[in-house]
Amino acid sequence: MEIKVLGPGCAKCIKTEKLVQEAIKETGAEATVEKVTDMMQIASYGVFGTPSVIVDGEVKCTGKVPKKEDIISWLKK
């Protein structure tokens, strides 16, 4: 599973990445996490609000910090 956390490095983006890492540990999911900070690359995903989370190419959350429960549900699918 490939997860991308999109954001320039603001507090919300850092919190989102931390929650994603915690959810991976809790579920034991096999996933790689990539932090994308380049605004042109972020825009190429069709995302204009950050933080955003993309799981296996599908935008799961944009413009807010997701709840850990939501992240866990994405990992289990």
N, C-alpha and C. Protein backbone atom coordinates (compact mmCIF):
# COMPACT_ATOMS: atom_id res chain seq x y z
N MET A 1 0.85 -1.17 0.00
CA MET A 1 0.00 0.00 0.00
C MET A 1 0.90 1.24 0.00
N GLU A 2 0.53 2.19 -0.80
CA GLU A 2 1.31 3.43 -0.90
C GLU A 2 0.46 4.60 -0.42
N ILE A 3 0.98 5.32 0.56
CA ILE A 3 0.27 6.46 1.13
C ILE A 3 1.10 7.72 0.91
N LYS A 4 0.45 8.76 0.43
CA LYS A 4 1.12 10.04 0.25
C LYS A 4 0.42 11.07 1.13
N VAL A 5 1.21 11.80 1.90
CA VAL A 5 0.70 12.90 2.70
C VAL A 5 1.16 14.17 2.00
N LEU A 6 0.19 14.95 1.53
CA LEU A 6 0.50 16.16 0.78
C LEU A 6 0.38 17.38 1.66
N GLY A 7 1.40 18.23 1.65
CA GLY A 7 1.35 19.47 2.40
C GLY A 7 2.72 20.11 2.48
N PRO A 8 2.73 21.43 2.67
CA PRO A 8 3.99 22.17 2.65
C PRO A 8 4.85 22.02 3.91
N GLY A 9 4.31 21.39 4.95
CA GLY A 9 5.09 21.23 6.18
C GLY A 9 4.51 22.01 7.34
N CYS A 10 3.27 22.43 7.22
CA CYS A 10 2.62 23.18 8.30
C CYS A 10 2.30 22.23 9.46
N ALA A 11 1.84 22.78 10.57
CA ALA A 11 1.54 21.97 11.76
C ALA A 11 0.49 20.90 11.47
N LYS A 12 -0.54 21.24 10.69
CA LYS A 12 -1.58 20.27 10.37
C LYS A 12 -1.05 19.14 9.50
N CYS A 13 -0.14 19.48 8.60
CA CYS A 13 0.45 18.46 7.73
C CYS A 13 1.33 17.51 8.54
N ILE A 14 2.07 18.05 9.47
CA ILE A 14 2.93 17.23 10.33
C ILE A 14 2.07 16.32 11.20
N LYS A 15 0.98 16.86 11.73
CA LYS A 15 0.08 16.05 12.55
C LYS A 15 -0.55 14.93 11.73
N THR A 16 -0.92 15.23 10.49
CA THR A 16 -1.51 14.22 9.62
C THR A 16 -0.53 13.09 9.37
N GLU A 17 0.70 13.43 9.06
CA GLU A 17 1.71 12.40 8.81
C GLU A 17 1.92 11.54 10.06
N LYS A 18 1.94 12.17 11.23
CA LYS A 18 2.11 11.45 12.49
C LYS A 18 0.94 10.47 12.71
N LEU A 19 -0.28 10.92 12.46
CA LEU A 19 -1.45 10.06 12.62
C LEU A 19 -1.41 8.87 11.66
N VAL A 20 -0.98 9.12 10.44
CA VAL A 20 -0.86 8.03 9.46
C VAL A 20 0.14 6.99 9.95
N GLN A 21 1.29 7.46 10.43
CA GLN A 21 2.32 6.53 10.94
C GLN A 21 1.79 5.73 12.13
N GLU A 22 1.06 6.39 13.04
CA GLU A 22 0.50 5.71 14.21
C GLU A 22 -0.52 4.65 13.77
N ALA A 23 -1.36 4.98 12.80
CA ALA A 23 -2.38 4.05 12.32
C ALA A 23 -1.74 2.83 11.68
N ILE A 24 -0.65 3.04 10.95
CA ILE A 24 0.06 1.92 10.32
C ILE A 24 0.61 0.99 11.40
N LYS A 25 1.21 1.57 12.44
CA LYS A 25 1.76 0.75 13.53
C LYS A 25 0.65 -0.03 14.23
N GLU A 26 -0.46 0.64 14.50
CA GLU A 26 -1.56 0.00 15.23
C GLU A 26 -2.19 -1.15 14.45
N THR A 27 -2.29 -1.00 13.15
CA THR A 27 -2.95 -2.03 12.33
C THR A 27 -1.97 -3.07 11.80
N GLY A 28 -0.69 -2.76 11.83
CA GLY A 28 0.30 -3.68 11.27
C GLY A 28 0.26 -3.72 9.75
N ALA A 29 -0.35 -2.71 9.15
CA ALA A 29 -0.47 -2.65 7.69
C ALA A 29 0.91 -2.50 7.05
N GLU A 30 1.06 -3.12 5.89
CA GLU A 30 2.29 -2.94 5.12
C GLU A 30 2.07 -1.76 4.19
N ALA A 31 2.69 -0.65 4.54
CA ALA A 31 2.48 0.57 3.76
C ALA A 31 3.74 1.41 3.78
N THR A 32 3.94 2.12 2.68
CA THR A 32 5.01 3.10 2.62
C THR A 32 4.36 4.47 2.65
N VAL A 33 5.01 5.40 3.33
CA VAL A 33 4.48 6.75 3.44
C VAL A 33 5.47 7.71 2.79
N GLU A 34 4.94 8.52 1.90
CA GLU A 34 5.75 9.53 1.22
C GLU A 34 5.17 10.89 1.56
N LYS A 35 6.03 11.82 1.96
CA LYS A 35 5.61 13.19 2.24
C LYS A 35 5.89 14.01 1.00
N VAL A 36 4.84 14.65 0.46
CA VAL A 36 4.98 15.46 -0.75
C VAL A 36 4.79 16.91 -0.35
N THR A 37 5.85 17.73 -0.54
CA THR A 37 5.80 19.13 -0.13
C THR A 37 5.81 20.11 -1.30
N ASP A 38 6.16 19.64 -2.49
CA ASP A 38 6.23 20.51 -3.66
C ASP A 38 4.81 20.88 -4.12
N MET A 39 4.50 22.16 -4.13
CA MET A 39 3.14 22.61 -4.45
C MET A 39 2.71 22.24 -5.87
N MET A 40 3.62 22.23 -6.81
CA MET A 40 3.27 21.83 -8.18
C MET A 40 2.90 20.34 -8.22
N GLN A 41 3.66 19.54 -7.49
CA GLN A 41 3.36 18.11 -7.44
C GLN A 41 2.02 17.87 -6.72
N ILE A 42 1.77 18.63 -5.64
CA ILE A 42 0.49 18.52 -4.92
C ILE A 42 -0.66 18.86 -5.87
N ALA A 43 -0.52 19.95 -6.61
CA ALA A 43 -1.57 20.36 -7.55
C ALA A 43 -1.79 19.32 -8.64
N SER A 44 -0.75 18.58 -9.00
CA SER A 44 -0.89 17.56 -10.05
C SER A 44 -1.84 16.43 -9.63
N TYR A 45 -2.09 16.31 -8.34
CA TYR A 45 -3.05 15.30 -7.85
C TYR A 45 -4.48 15.83 -7.86
N GLY A 46 -4.65 17.09 -8.29
CA GLY A 46 -5.98 17.68 -8.30
C GLY A 46 -6.42 18.13 -6.92
N VAL A 47 -5.46 18.31 -6.04
CA VAL A 47 -5.73 18.68 -4.65
C VAL A 47 -5.28 20.12 -4.45
N PHE A 48 -6.18 20.93 -3.91
CA PHE A 48 -5.83 22.34 -3.71
C PHE A 48 -5.91 22.76 -2.25
N GLY A 49 -6.24 21.81 -1.37
CA GLY A 49 -6.25 22.07 0.06
C GLY A 49 -5.32 21.09 0.74
N THR A 50 -4.60 21.56 1.73
CA THR A 50 -3.71 20.66 2.47
C THR A 50 -4.04 20.77 3.94
N PRO A 51 -3.74 19.76 4.71
CA PRO A 51 -3.12 18.50 4.30
C PRO A 51 -4.10 17.62 3.53
N SER A 52 -3.53 16.74 2.71
CA SER A 52 -4.32 15.76 1.97
C SER A 52 -3.65 14.40 2.11
N VAL A 53 -4.47 13.36 2.05
CA VAL A 53 -3.96 12.00 2.13
C VAL A 53 -4.44 11.23 0.91
N ILE A 54 -3.49 10.56 0.24
CA ILE A 54 -3.79 9.74 -0.92
C ILE A 54 -3.36 8.31 -0.60
N VAL A 55 -4.27 7.37 -0.76
CA VAL A 55 -3.99 5.95 -0.51
C VAL A 55 -4.13 5.21 -1.83
N ASP A 56 -3.03 4.62 -2.27
CA ASP A 56 -3.01 3.87 -3.53
C ASP A 56 -3.65 4.66 -4.67
N GLY A 57 -3.28 5.93 -4.77
CA GLY A 57 -3.72 6.78 -5.88
C GLY A 57 -5.10 7.40 -5.71
N GLU A 58 -5.80 7.09 -4.62
CA GLU A 58 -7.14 7.63 -4.39
C GLU A 58 -7.10 8.68 -3.29
N VAL A 59 -7.62 9.87 -3.58
CA VAL A 59 -7.66 10.94 -2.58
C VAL A 59 -8.68 10.56 -1.51
N LYS A 60 -8.23 10.47 -0.27
CA LYS A 60 -9.09 10.06 0.84
C LYS A 60 -9.51 11.24 1.71
N CYS A 61 -8.68 12.26 1.76
CA CYS A 61 -8.96 13.39 2.64
C CYS A 61 -8.23 14.61 2.09
N THR A 62 -8.88 15.76 2.16
CA THR A 62 -8.22 16.98 1.71
C THR A 62 -8.69 18.17 2.53
N GLY A 63 -7.73 19.04 2.87
CA GLY A 63 -8.05 20.29 3.55
C GLY A 63 -8.28 20.19 5.04
N LYS A 64 -8.02 19.01 5.64
CA LYS A 64 -8.19 18.87 7.09
C LYS A 64 -7.36 17.71 7.60
N VAL A 65 -7.19 17.68 8.91
CA VAL A 65 -6.49 16.56 9.54
C VAL A 65 -7.52 15.44 9.72
N PRO A 66 -7.25 14.28 9.13
CA PRO A 66 -8.23 13.18 9.27
C PRO A 66 -8.20 12.58 10.67
N LYS A 67 -9.30 11.95 11.05
CA LYS A 67 -9.36 11.24 12.32
C LYS A 67 -8.60 9.94 12.17
N LYS A 68 -7.95 9.52 13.26
CA LYS A 68 -7.18 8.27 13.21
C LYS A 68 -8.09 7.10 12.83
N GLU A 69 -9.34 7.09 13.31
CA GLU A 69 -10.26 6.01 12.98
C GLU A 69 -10.48 5.93 11.48
N ASP A 70 -10.56 7.10 10.82
CA ASP A 70 -10.73 7.12 9.36
C ASP A 70 -9.51 6.53 8.66
N ILE A 71 -8.33 6.91 9.13
CA ILE A 71 -7.10 6.40 8.53
C ILE A 71 -7.05 4.88 8.66
N ILE A 72 -7.40 4.38 9.85
CA ILE A 72 -7.38 2.94 10.08
C ILE A 72 -8.35 2.24 9.11
N SER A 73 -9.52 2.83 8.89
CA SER A 73 -10.48 2.21 7.97
C SER A 73 -9.93 2.19 6.54
N TRP A 74 -9.17 3.20 6.14
CA TRP A 74 -8.57 3.21 4.81
C TRP A 74 -7.53 2.09 4.69
N LEU A 75 -6.80 1.85 5.77
CA LEU A 75 -5.75 0.84 5.75
C LEU A 75 -6.31 -0.57 5.68
N LYS A 76 -7.50 -0.77 6.18
CA LYS A 76 -8.09 -2.10 6.23
C LYS A 76 -8.79 -2.50 4.94
N LYS A 77 -8.95 -1.59 4.01
CA LYS A 77 -9.64 -1.91 2.76
C LYS A 77 -8.71 -2.53 1.76
